[in-house]
Amino acid sequence: MEIKIPEATVREEEEEQPLSPAARVFHAPEFNCYVISVIGVKKKIEADVIIEGLKQTLIRHPRFSSKMVSKRYKNRQTQIWVRTNVIVSDHVIVPNIQTQNIENANADEFLESYVSDLTLIPLDTSKPLWELHLLDLKTSDAENVAVLKFHHSLGDGMSLMALVLACMRKTSNPDELPTLPNQTRSSSRSSRLKSGSRGDFRFLWLIMALWSAIMLVLNTICDALEFIATAMFLKDTETPIKGDFRLSKHKRMSLVHRTVSLDDIKLIKNTMKMTVNDVVLGVTQAALSQYLERRYGEKKKLGEDQKNSNDMPKRIRLRSAILVNLRPTTGIQDLSDMMAKGSKCRWGNWIGYIVFPFSIGLRNDPLEHLRSAKRIIDRKKNSLEAALTFIVGKFMIKSFGVKVTANIINRALSNTTMSFSNLIGPIEEISFFGHPITYMAPSVYGHPHALTVHFQSYMNKMTISLTVDPTVISDTHRLLDDWEECLESIKAAVQERGSIH
């Protein structure tokens, strides 16, 4: 049904905003993407307190108080955000859970089943595209659980999580916003250059800058060609973790999580002189190698009459689409002020992709997984691949439309194996409207991958969230076990190396 809207006045322009190109793609059938964040808390949830808190914070943000409307503009159909009156209680769901028959591990299974069922239920487009589920359910790692569900068109994952954090406060001081760790880049090279005489190093600096610029251009060209090839014909190896989304577009996905020590990851990071992201990529590569080795071995046992037909291939092309945030960092304070004052800032989906090739195979030295992952990601950092995918995506939408663009991106992602992202969380305990938080496990579904891996740091912990297609990966917890085992083996190797030195 077409909605006729008269010529906009100044007030109407403030109340209406067109969907960004990325948001329109996220509403295409090929990319009906949602973000789900499972939040464990330390006390029984008081629904009335949560609802009142949301009224004072989240719904003051334009995207969380706007619904999506289609209208005719200049002889074409377009989609806009229209501000509406939000009844918060309509977005907060408190299911009646019979907890007397749910104990310990059964509670964890119930939570996984509940969250997985949410992947089959679309949000009501007649209201703002978000909802909050409050579960009076005691699990192995939380007293109660809250589940936030957003449509990805509201914004990119990093901004959405930052907005949620802006609704929270430090447990130690209820008036203070959460604190994120400082992200400082190493300046050792520049400090070395400054330590010598300026005249001696000026020419060397010029040569290095020129070489870096040349490599930036070459790397970007190579990455662009690879992305084009991936969209056209370059497919990953058909491994036991690669799904085929041509068979079904709307599947029930399984969402599980596991929390490990962030201190262990930092120990490895500091010893190996890497970043946290380098470490989690390296451990993920080791875990995928271990998991696939076992899966291929199990297949071989089932078909022993077929000689070596199910041995793990020596060369496996297994690539991940890594999401990269392209916006200037929006601080938690900025988002909090925006909700308090009703002001506006640059919002939407400002994300690009890089295609990261995992080197699959068992290694005698587990640290080689870290080194190879760091080599690849360092080379990817010296490329404009992420910005290029974002710019080209916007150009394609304007030139060819949402449907064609969504099909091309869907094809490119379908030819890779998985998605990967890593989010930095608060360094101290925070509370959700007076409810102290034990963990946060964000994830996303709706894109054409059978495996998505998200990492979320919080205090001294790192939570690993997996979104999987259970028809492809049925033993999801085994993959989490492999990740923990690989972390322990790499930590042991690092400690042994430290004792030797």
Protein backbone atom coordinates (compact mmCIF):
# COMPACT_ATOMS: atom_id res chain seq x y z
CA MET A 1 0.00 0.00 0.00
CA GLU A 2 1.46 3.36 -1.06
CA ILE A 3 1.62 6.05 1.60
CA LYS A 4 1.27 9.59 0.24
CA ILE A 5 3.29 12.15 2.14
CA PRO A 6 3.01 15.86 1.28
CA GLU A 7 5.99 18.08 0.60
CA ALA A 8 8.21 18.09 3.68
CA THR A 9 8.30 20.99 6.04
CA VAL A 10 11.30 21.69 8.24
CA ARG A 11 9.71 19.71 11.06
CA GLU A 12 8.92 16.78 8.77
CA GLU A 13 12.51 16.72 7.51
CA GLU A 14 13.64 16.32 11.10
CA GLU A 15 11.12 13.52 11.61
CA GLU A 16 11.97 11.69 8.38
CA GLN A 17 15.26 10.31 7.12
CA PRO A 18 15.91 8.04 4.13
CA LEU A 19 17.42 4.61 4.75
CA SER A 20 21.13 4.52 4.00
CA PRO A 21 22.25 2.37 1.05
CA ALA A 22 23.56 -0.32 3.42
CA ALA A 23 20.30 -0.32 5.41
CA ARG A 24 18.35 -0.90 2.20
CA VAL A 25 20.58 -3.86 1.35
CA PHE A 26 20.03 -5.31 4.84
CA HIS A 27 16.29 -5.29 4.10
CA ALA A 28 16.74 -7.18 0.82
CA PRO A 29 15.56 -10.85 0.95
CA GLU A 30 19.17 -12.01 0.46
CA PHE A 31 20.32 -9.99 3.49
CA ASN A 32 17.53 -9.81 6.03
CA CYS A 33 20.11 -9.45 8.79
CA TYR A 34 19.56 -9.18 12.54
CA VAL A 35 21.84 -8.51 15.50
CA ILE A 36 21.23 -10.50 18.69
CA SER A 37 23.03 -9.83 21.94
CA VAL A 38 22.66 -12.17 24.93
CA ILE A 39 23.42 -10.41 28.21
CA GLY A 40 23.83 -12.30 31.47
CA VAL A 41 23.10 -10.46 34.75
CA LYS A 42 23.85 -11.19 38.40
CA LYS A 43 20.38 -10.67 39.87
CA LYS A 44 16.73 -11.32 39.13
CA ILE A 45 15.56 -8.95 36.41
CA GLU A 46 12.99 -6.32 37.38
CA ALA A 47 11.06 -5.69 34.16
CA ASP A 48 9.50 -2.42 35.35
CA VAL A 49 12.94 -0.96 36.12
CA ILE A 50 14.25 -1.98 32.70
CA ILE A 51 11.24 -0.49 30.89
CA GLU A 52 11.54 2.81 32.76
CA GLY A 53 15.27 2.93 32.00
CA LEU A 54 14.68 2.36 28.28
CA LYS A 55 12.17 5.23 28.25
CA GLN A 56 14.88 7.56 29.52
CA THR A 57 17.63 6.34 27.18
CA LEU A 58 17.32 4.02 24.19
CA ILE A 59 14.08 5.25 22.65
CA ARG A 60 15.39 8.81 22.62
CA HIS A 61 17.69 7.71 19.82
CA PRO A 62 16.05 8.43 16.42
CA ARG A 63 16.51 4.90 15.03
CA PHE A 64 14.90 3.28 18.07
CA SER A 65 11.88 5.55 17.92
CA SER A 66 11.34 5.37 14.15
CA LYS A 67 9.56 2.84 11.96
CA MET A 68 10.37 2.03 8.37
CA VAL A 69 7.87 3.36 5.80
CA SER A 70 7.79 3.01 2.00
CA LYS A 71 6.75 6.00 -0.03
CA ARG A 72 6.74 7.20 -3.63
CA TYR A 73 9.31 9.87 -4.40
CA LYS A 74 10.16 11.17 -7.91
CA ASN A 75 8.45 8.23 -9.62
CA ARG A 76 10.25 5.59 -7.61
CA GLN A 77 9.62 3.68 -4.43
CA THR A 78 11.90 4.53 -1.53
CA GLN A 79 12.17 3.71 2.16
CA ILE A 80 12.40 6.23 4.98
CA TRP A 81 12.60 6.29 8.77
CA VAL A 82 9.59 8.05 10.31
CA ARG A 83 9.53 9.05 13.99
CA THR A 84 6.68 7.47 15.91
CA ASN A 85 5.32 7.24 19.44
CA VAL A 86 7.01 4.27 21.10
CA ILE A 87 5.23 2.16 23.69
CA VAL A 88 8.24 0.54 25.34
CA SER A 89 6.22 -2.29 26.92
CA ASP A 90 5.30 -3.45 23.39
CA HIS A 91 8.99 -4.06 22.72
CA VAL A 92 9.79 -5.83 25.99
CA ILE A 93 8.86 -9.52 26.13
CA VAL A 94 8.82 -11.43 29.43
CA PRO A 95 8.11 -15.09 28.63
CA ASN A 96 6.49 -17.32 31.23
CA ILE A 97 9.21 -19.88 31.91
CA GLN A 98 8.42 -22.89 34.11
CA THR A 99 11.77 -22.98 35.89
CA GLN A 100 10.96 -25.79 38.29
CA ASN A 101 11.91 -28.39 35.66
CA ILE A 102 14.97 -26.51 34.39
CA GLU A 103 18.19 -27.08 36.28
CA ASN A 104 21.88 -26.39 35.55
CA ALA A 105 22.84 -27.63 32.07
CA ASN A 106 19.18 -27.85 31.05
CA ALA A 107 18.89 -24.08 31.58
CA ASP A 108 21.80 -23.48 29.19
CA GLU A 109 20.14 -25.70 26.61
CA PHE A 110 16.82 -23.90 27.10
CA LEU A 111 18.50 -20.53 26.55
CA GLU A 112 20.22 -21.75 23.37
CA SER A 113 16.93 -23.12 22.07
CA TYR A 114 15.04 -19.93 22.95
CA VAL A 115 17.56 -17.66 21.22
CA SER A 116 17.73 -19.97 18.20
CA ASP A 117 13.93 -19.86 17.88
CA LEU A 118 14.17 -16.06 17.66
CA THR A 119 16.07 -16.43 14.36
CA LEU A 120 12.85 -17.70 12.75
CA ILE A 121 10.65 -14.83 13.97
CA PRO A 122 10.89 -11.54 12.01
CA LEU A 123 10.40 -8.22 13.75
CA ASP A 124 7.12 -6.35 13.26
CA THR A 125 7.82 -3.64 10.66
CA SER A 126 4.87 -1.55 11.88
CA LYS A 127 6.99 -0.66 14.94
CA PRO A 128 10.62 0.37 15.49
CA LEU A 129 12.78 -2.64 14.64
CA TRP A 130 14.01 -3.78 18.03
CA GLU A 131 12.87 -5.84 20.99
CA LEU A 132 14.16 -6.99 24.38
CA HIS A 133 13.45 -10.40 25.93
CA LEU A 134 13.81 -10.69 29.72
CA LEU A 135 14.26 -14.29 30.87
CA ASP A 136 13.82 -15.27 34.51
CA LEU A 137 16.22 -18.15 33.95
CA LYS A 138 19.26 -19.11 36.02
CA THR A 139 22.00 -20.50 33.80
CA SER A 140 25.51 -21.76 34.57
CA ASP A 141 26.99 -18.28 34.14
CA ALA A 142 24.17 -15.85 35.02
CA GLU A 143 21.29 -15.42 37.46
CA ASN A 144 18.98 -14.04 34.72
CA VAL A 145 19.34 -13.29 31.01
CA ALA A 146 18.33 -10.43 28.70
CA VAL A 147 18.26 -10.87 24.92
CA LEU A 148 18.39 -7.78 22.70
CA LYS A 149 17.33 -8.17 19.08
CA PHE A 150 17.77 -5.43 16.46
CA HIS A 151 17.39 -5.30 12.73
CA HIS A 152 20.81 -4.65 11.18
CA SER A 153 19.39 -1.75 9.17
CA LEU A 154 19.35 0.31 12.40
CA GLY A 155 23.13 0.52 12.32
CA ASP A 156 26.36 -1.45 12.24
CA GLY A 157 27.18 -3.83 15.07
CA MET A 158 29.85 -1.65 16.63
CA SER A 159 27.58 1.41 16.83
CA LEU A 160 24.65 -0.62 18.15
CA MET A 161 26.77 -2.15 20.91
CA ALA A 162 28.23 1.28 21.74
CA LEU A 163 24.69 2.63 22.00
CA VAL A 164 23.69 -0.20 24.35
CA LEU A 165 26.78 0.51 26.47
CA ALA A 166 25.74 4.17 26.60
CA CYS A 167 22.58 3.01 28.41
CA MET A 168 24.70 1.31 31.08
CA ARG A 169 26.68 2.59 34.03
CA LYS A 170 29.63 1.49 36.14
CA THR A 171 28.60 -0.70 39.06
CA SER A 172 31.16 1.09 41.24
CA ASN A 173 29.67 4.49 40.32
CA PRO A 174 26.10 4.52 38.94
CA ASP A 175 26.62 8.05 37.58
CA GLU A 176 29.58 7.15 35.35
CA LEU A 177 29.50 5.67 31.85
CA PRO A 178 31.49 2.51 31.01
CA THR A 179 35.17 2.95 30.18
CA LEU A 180 36.65 1.33 27.09
CA PRO A 181 40.38 0.51 26.91
CA ASN A 182 42.57 2.96 25.03
CA GLN A 183 43.52 1.81 21.56
CA THR A 184 46.99 3.10 20.91
CA ARG A 185 49.07 2.13 17.95
CA SER A 186 52.69 1.31 18.31
CA SER A 187 54.92 4.22 17.55
CA SER A 188 58.21 2.38 17.96
CA ARG A 189 59.22 2.97 14.35
CA SER A 190 58.63 6.71 14.53
CA SER A 191 60.37 6.95 17.90
CA ARG A 192 63.42 5.17 16.45
CA LEU A 193 63.49 7.63 13.58
CA LYS A 194 63.26 10.57 15.96
CA SER A 195 66.07 9.21 18.09
CA GLY A 196 68.66 9.75 15.34
CA SER A 197 69.68 12.98 13.71
CA ARG A 198 66.88 14.54 11.67
CA GLY A 199 69.07 14.97 8.60
CA ASP A 200 70.19 11.32 8.56
CA PHE A 201 66.68 9.92 8.71
CA ARG A 202 64.73 12.40 6.58
CA PHE A 203 65.74 10.67 3.33
CA LEU A 204 65.11 7.21 4.84
CA TRP A 205 61.65 8.33 6.00
CA LEU A 206 60.86 9.58 2.49
CA ILE A 207 61.88 6.25 0.94
CA MET A 208 59.80 4.29 3.47
CA ALA A 209 56.76 6.52 2.92
CA LEU A 210 57.05 6.12 -0.86
CA TRP A 211 57.43 2.34 -0.56
CA SER A 212 54.45 2.14 1.81
CA ALA A 213 52.32 4.14 -0.66
CA ILE A 214 53.31 1.84 -3.53
CA MET A 215 52.49 -1.26 -1.49
CA LEU A 216 49.16 0.28 -0.42
CA VAL A 217 48.17 0.74 -4.07
CA LEU A 218 49.37 -2.73 -5.12
CA ASN A 219 47.69 -4.46 -2.19
CA THR A 220 44.43 -2.61 -2.84
CA ILE A 221 44.47 -3.59 -6.52
CA CYS A 222 45.16 -7.25 -5.66
CA ASP A 223 42.39 -7.29 -3.03
CA ALA A 224 39.94 -5.64 -5.42
CA LEU A 225 40.69 -8.22 -8.11
CA GLU A 226 40.26 -11.04 -5.59
CA PHE A 227 36.89 -9.63 -4.48
CA ILE A 228 35.73 -9.40 -8.12
CA ALA A 229 36.91 -12.96 -8.74
CA THR A 230 35.13 -14.14 -5.59
CA ALA A 231 31.89 -12.51 -6.72
CA MET A 232 32.21 -14.18 -10.13
CA PHE A 233 33.76 -17.63 -9.71
CA LEU A 234 36.42 -18.02 -6.96
CA LYS A 235 34.92 -20.38 -4.38
CA ASP A 236 36.22 -21.74 -1.11
CA THR A 237 36.85 -25.45 -0.72
CA GLU A 238 33.71 -27.44 0.12
CA THR A 239 34.62 -28.28 3.72
CA PRO A 240 32.34 -29.65 6.49
CA ILE A 241 31.79 -26.09 7.77
CA LYS A 242 30.82 -24.46 4.47
CA GLY A 243 27.08 -24.16 3.97
CA ASP A 244 25.06 -23.98 0.77
CA PHE A 245 22.53 -21.17 1.11
CA ARG A 246 21.05 -21.84 -2.31
CA LEU A 247 19.08 -24.66 -0.67
CA SER A 248 17.21 -22.46 1.80
CA LYS A 249 17.24 -18.73 2.56
CA HIS A 250 15.49 -18.79 5.93
CA LYS A 251 17.04 -21.27 8.34
CA ARG A 252 16.91 -21.72 12.08
CA MET A 253 20.38 -20.80 13.28
CA SER A 254 21.99 -21.98 16.51
CA LEU A 255 23.61 -19.36 18.75
CA VAL A 256 26.02 -20.49 21.47
CA HIS A 257 28.74 -18.80 23.48
CA ARG A 258 31.71 -19.57 25.72
CA THR A 259 33.70 -17.28 28.02
CA VAL A 260 37.48 -17.56 28.38
CA SER A 261 40.16 -15.57 30.20
CA LEU A 262 41.13 -12.29 28.54
CA ASP A 263 44.26 -12.31 30.70
CA ASP A 264 45.45 -15.46 28.88
CA ILE A 265 44.94 -13.73 25.53
CA LYS A 266 46.79 -10.63 26.77
CA LEU A 267 49.67 -12.82 28.02
CA ILE A 268 50.05 -14.25 24.51
CA LYS A 269 49.64 -10.79 22.97
CA ASN A 270 52.35 -9.21 25.09
CA THR A 271 54.81 -12.08 24.72
CA MET A 272 54.39 -12.34 20.95
CA LYS A 273 54.20 -8.51 20.50
CA MET A 274 50.82 -8.70 18.77
CA THR A 275 47.35 -7.25 19.16
CA VAL A 276 44.39 -9.00 20.77
CA ASN A 277 42.84 -9.27 17.31
CA ASP A 278 45.98 -11.03 16.00
CA VAL A 279 45.76 -13.55 18.83
CA VAL A 280 42.06 -14.38 18.43
CA LEU A 281 42.56 -14.77 14.66
CA GLY A 282 45.51 -17.10 15.23
CA VAL A 283 43.68 -19.19 17.84
CA THR A 284 40.61 -19.34 15.57
CA GLN A 285 42.80 -20.62 12.74
CA ALA A 286 44.25 -23.31 15.01
CA ALA A 287 40.77 -24.30 16.26
CA LEU A 288 39.34 -24.55 12.74
CA SER A 289 42.30 -26.70 11.68
CA GLN A 290 41.82 -29.03 14.65
CA TYR A 291 38.06 -29.21 14.15
CA LEU A 292 38.30 -29.94 10.41
CA GLU A 293 40.99 -32.59 10.94
CA ARG A 294 38.59 -34.45 13.23
CA ARG A 295 35.58 -34.00 10.95
CA TYR A 296 37.47 -35.37 7.96
CA GLY A 297 38.73 -38.23 10.13
CA GLU A 298 35.17 -39.10 11.17
CA LYS A 299 34.06 -39.12 7.54
CA LYS A 300 36.91 -41.48 6.66
CA LYS A 301 35.84 -43.93 9.37
CA LEU A 302 32.31 -43.97 8.01
CA GLY A 303 33.52 -44.70 4.47
CA GLU A 304 36.59 -46.88 4.87
CA ASP A 305 35.91 -48.63 1.57
CA GLN A 306 36.66 -45.38 -0.26
CA LYS A 307 40.41 -45.18 -0.03
CA ASN A 308 41.62 -41.83 1.37
CA SER A 309 38.52 -40.18 -0.11
CA ASN A 310 37.85 -38.25 3.09
CA ASP A 311 41.36 -37.26 4.18
CA MET A 312 41.64 -33.56 4.89
CA PRO A 313 42.95 -31.90 1.71
CA LYS A 314 46.48 -30.55 1.95
CA ARG A 315 45.43 -27.23 0.45
CA ILE A 316 42.15 -25.80 1.68
CA ARG A 317 40.88 -22.40 0.60
CA LEU A 318 38.94 -21.17 3.63
CA ARG A 319 38.27 -17.46 3.82
CA SER A 320 36.41 -15.27 6.26
CA ALA A 321 34.67 -11.97 5.66
CA ILE A 322 35.93 -9.69 8.43
CA LEU A 323 33.73 -6.69 9.21
CA VAL A 324 35.62 -3.40 9.50
CA ASN A 325 34.16 -0.26 11.09
CA LEU A 326 34.83 2.75 8.82
CA ARG A 327 33.20 5.54 10.82
CA PRO A 328 35.19 7.88 13.04
CA THR A 329 34.81 6.40 16.50
CA THR A 330 31.60 7.56 18.16
CA GLY A 331 32.27 7.73 21.88
CA ILE A 332 29.91 6.31 24.47
CA GLN A 333 29.66 9.82 25.96
CA ASP A 334 28.57 11.20 22.57
CA LEU A 335 25.83 8.58 22.26
CA SER A 336 24.69 9.17 25.83
CA ASP A 337 24.46 12.92 25.19
CA MET A 338 22.58 12.27 21.97
CA MET A 339 19.93 10.24 23.77
CA ALA A 340 19.69 12.76 26.61
CA LYS A 341 19.44 15.85 24.43
CA GLY A 342 17.77 14.39 21.37
CA SER A 343 20.63 15.59 19.18
CA LYS A 344 21.71 13.79 16.03
CA CYS A 345 25.04 12.41 14.93
CA ARG A 346 26.27 10.50 11.94
CA TRP A 347 24.49 7.16 12.10
CA GLY A 348 23.80 4.17 9.90
CA ASN A 349 25.88 1.28 8.59
CA TRP A 350 29.46 2.36 7.88
CA ILE A 351 31.12 -1.00 7.49
CA GLY A 352 33.36 -2.56 4.88
CA TYR A 353 34.69 -6.07 4.41
CA ILE A 354 38.10 -7.62 4.05
CA VAL A 355 38.50 -11.19 2.86
CA PHE A 356 40.84 -12.99 5.26
CA PRO A 357 42.34 -16.35 4.17
CA PHE A 358 42.86 -18.81 7.02
CA SER A 359 45.82 -21.15 6.59
CA ILE A 360 44.23 -24.50 7.50
CA GLY A 361 46.44 -27.39 8.61
CA LEU A 362 47.92 -28.86 11.78
CA ARG A 363 51.24 -27.38 12.90
CA ASN A 364 54.02 -28.89 15.00
CA ASP A 365 54.54 -25.46 16.51
CA PRO A 366 51.16 -23.99 17.58
CA LEU A 367 52.69 -20.50 17.56
CA GLU A 368 52.95 -20.72 13.77
CA HIS A 369 49.19 -20.17 13.64
CA LEU A 370 49.71 -16.82 15.38
CA ARG A 371 52.56 -15.81 13.12
CA SER A 372 50.77 -16.66 9.89
CA ALA A 373 47.58 -14.89 11.01
CA LYS A 374 49.59 -11.78 11.94
CA ARG A 375 51.41 -11.76 8.59
CA ILE A 376 48.11 -11.85 6.71
CA ILE A 377 46.31 -9.24 8.81
CA ASP A 378 49.31 -6.88 8.71
CA ARG A 379 49.28 -7.09 4.94
CA LYS A 380 45.50 -6.49 4.90
CA LYS A 381 45.94 -3.41 7.09
CA ASN A 382 48.16 -1.95 4.35
CA SER A 383 45.25 -1.99 1.89
CA LEU A 384 42.12 0.06 1.22
CA GLU A 385 40.03 -3.08 0.67
CA ALA A 386 37.47 -2.29 3.40
CA ALA A 387 36.92 1.31 2.26
CA LEU A 388 36.77 0.16 -1.36
CA THR A 389 34.05 -2.43 -0.69
CA PHE A 390 32.00 0.23 1.12
CA ILE A 391 32.38 2.85 -1.63
CA VAL A 392 31.76 0.40 -4.47
CA GLY A 393 28.69 -0.95 -2.65
CA LYS A 394 27.18 2.55 -2.43
CA PHE A 395 27.99 3.19 -6.11
CA MET A 396 26.39 -0.08 -7.17
CA ILE A 397 23.18 0.66 -5.25
CA LYS A 398 22.87 4.04 -6.95
CA SER A 399 23.71 2.63 -10.39
CA PHE A 400 22.05 -0.80 -10.40
CA GLY A 401 19.64 -0.77 -7.47
CA VAL A 402 19.34 -2.70 -4.21
CA LYS A 403 18.30 -6.05 -5.71
CA VAL A 404 21.28 -6.35 -8.08
CA THR A 405 23.73 -5.16 -5.42
CA ALA A 406 22.35 -7.57 -2.81
CA ASN A 407 22.67 -10.45 -5.27
CA ILE A 408 26.29 -9.59 -6.06
CA ILE A 409 27.29 -9.22 -2.40
CA ASN A 410 25.36 -12.37 -1.50
CA ARG A 411 27.21 -14.29 -4.22
CA ALA A 412 30.60 -12.99 -3.07
CA LEU A 413 29.95 -13.89 0.58
CA SER A 414 28.46 -17.27 -0.40
CA ASN A 415 31.77 -18.13 -2.06
CA THR A 416 33.59 -17.57 1.24
CA THR A 417 33.14 -19.80 4.31
CA MET A 418 32.48 -17.66 7.39
CA SER A 419 32.22 -14.23 9.03
CA PHE A 420 34.39 -12.86 11.84
CA SER A 421 34.31 -9.77 14.08
CA ASN A 422 35.83 -8.58 17.33
CA LEU A 423 34.35 -5.90 19.64
CA ILE A 424 36.06 -4.17 22.56
CA GLY A 425 34.01 -3.93 25.74
CA PRO A 426 34.27 -2.16 29.12
CA ILE A 427 37.24 -2.77 31.39
CA GLU A 428 35.20 -2.66 34.62
CA GLU A 429 31.92 -4.16 35.79
CA ILE A 430 28.85 -2.34 34.48
CA SER A 431 25.14 -2.63 35.16
CA PHE A 432 22.05 -2.59 32.95
CA PHE A 433 19.67 -0.28 34.82
CA GLY A 434 20.85 -1.56 38.18
CA HIS A 435 21.47 -5.16 37.06
CA PRO A 436 25.22 -6.03 37.20
CA ILE A 437 26.35 -7.78 34.01
CA THR A 438 28.34 -11.02 33.92
CA TYR A 439 28.87 -11.31 30.15
CA MET A 440 27.77 -9.94 26.77
CA ALA A 441 27.52 -12.22 23.74
CA PRO A 442 26.58 -10.35 20.53
CA SER A 443 26.10 -12.08 17.19
CA VAL A 444 24.42 -11.65 13.81
CA TYR A 445 22.46 -13.84 11.41
CA GLY A 446 20.74 -13.56 8.04
CA HIS A 447 23.86 -13.44 5.84
CA PRO A 448 24.91 -16.44 3.70
CA HIS A 449 27.35 -18.17 6.06
CA ALA A 450 26.98 -21.37 8.05
CA LEU A 451 29.48 -20.10 10.63
CA THR A 452 29.87 -16.65 12.18
CA VAL A 453 32.38 -16.00 14.97
CA HIS A 454 32.14 -12.92 17.22
CA PHE A 455 34.40 -11.92 20.09
CA GLN A 456 33.38 -9.51 22.85
CA SER A 457 35.75 -8.46 25.63
CA TYR A 458 34.41 -7.44 29.04
CA MET A 459 36.46 -6.83 32.20
CA ASN A 460 39.01 -9.67 32.29
CA LYS A 461 36.95 -12.02 30.10
CA MET A 462 36.47 -12.70 26.41
CA THR A 463 33.17 -14.17 25.21
CA ILE A 464 33.18 -16.19 21.99
CA SER A 465 29.81 -16.26 20.21
CA LEU A 466 29.09 -18.70 17.41
CA THR A 467 26.15 -18.48 15.03
CA VAL A 468 25.94 -21.70 13.04
CA ASP A 469 23.68 -23.57 10.69
CA PRO A 470 23.00 -26.77 12.69
CA THR A 471 22.44 -28.77 9.49
CA VAL A 472 26.11 -28.06 8.63
CA ILE A 473 27.75 -27.90 12.08
CA SER A 474 25.81 -30.06 14.51
CA ASP A 475 28.52 -30.29 17.20
CA THR A 476 28.83 -26.56 17.90
CA HIS A 477 30.14 -27.01 21.44
CA ARG A 478 32.92 -29.23 20.13
CA LEU A 479 34.15 -26.29 18.04
CA LEU A 480 34.13 -24.12 21.19
CA ASP A 481 36.05 -26.87 23.00
CA ASP A 482 38.63 -26.84 20.20
CA TRP A 483 39.00 -23.07 20.58
CA GLU A 484 39.64 -23.39 24.32
CA GLU A 485 42.08 -26.27 23.82
CA CYS A 486 44.03 -24.34 21.18
CA LEU A 487 44.16 -21.28 23.43
CA GLU A 488 45.62 -23.44 26.21
CA SER A 489 48.19 -25.10 23.92
CA ILE A 490 49.31 -21.75 22.49
CA LYS A 491 49.49 -20.26 25.99
CA ALA A 492 51.63 -23.22 27.12
CA ALA A 493 53.92 -22.79 24.10
CA VAL A 494 54.29 -19.08 24.85
CA GLN A 495 55.10 -19.76 28.51
CA GLU A 496 57.63 -22.44 27.51
CA ARG A 497 59.23 -20.04 25.07
CA GLY A 498 59.41 -17.40 27.80
CA SER A 499 61.10 -19.81 30.25
CA ILE A 500 63.65 -20.78 27.59
CA HIS A 501 64.52 -17.17 26.89
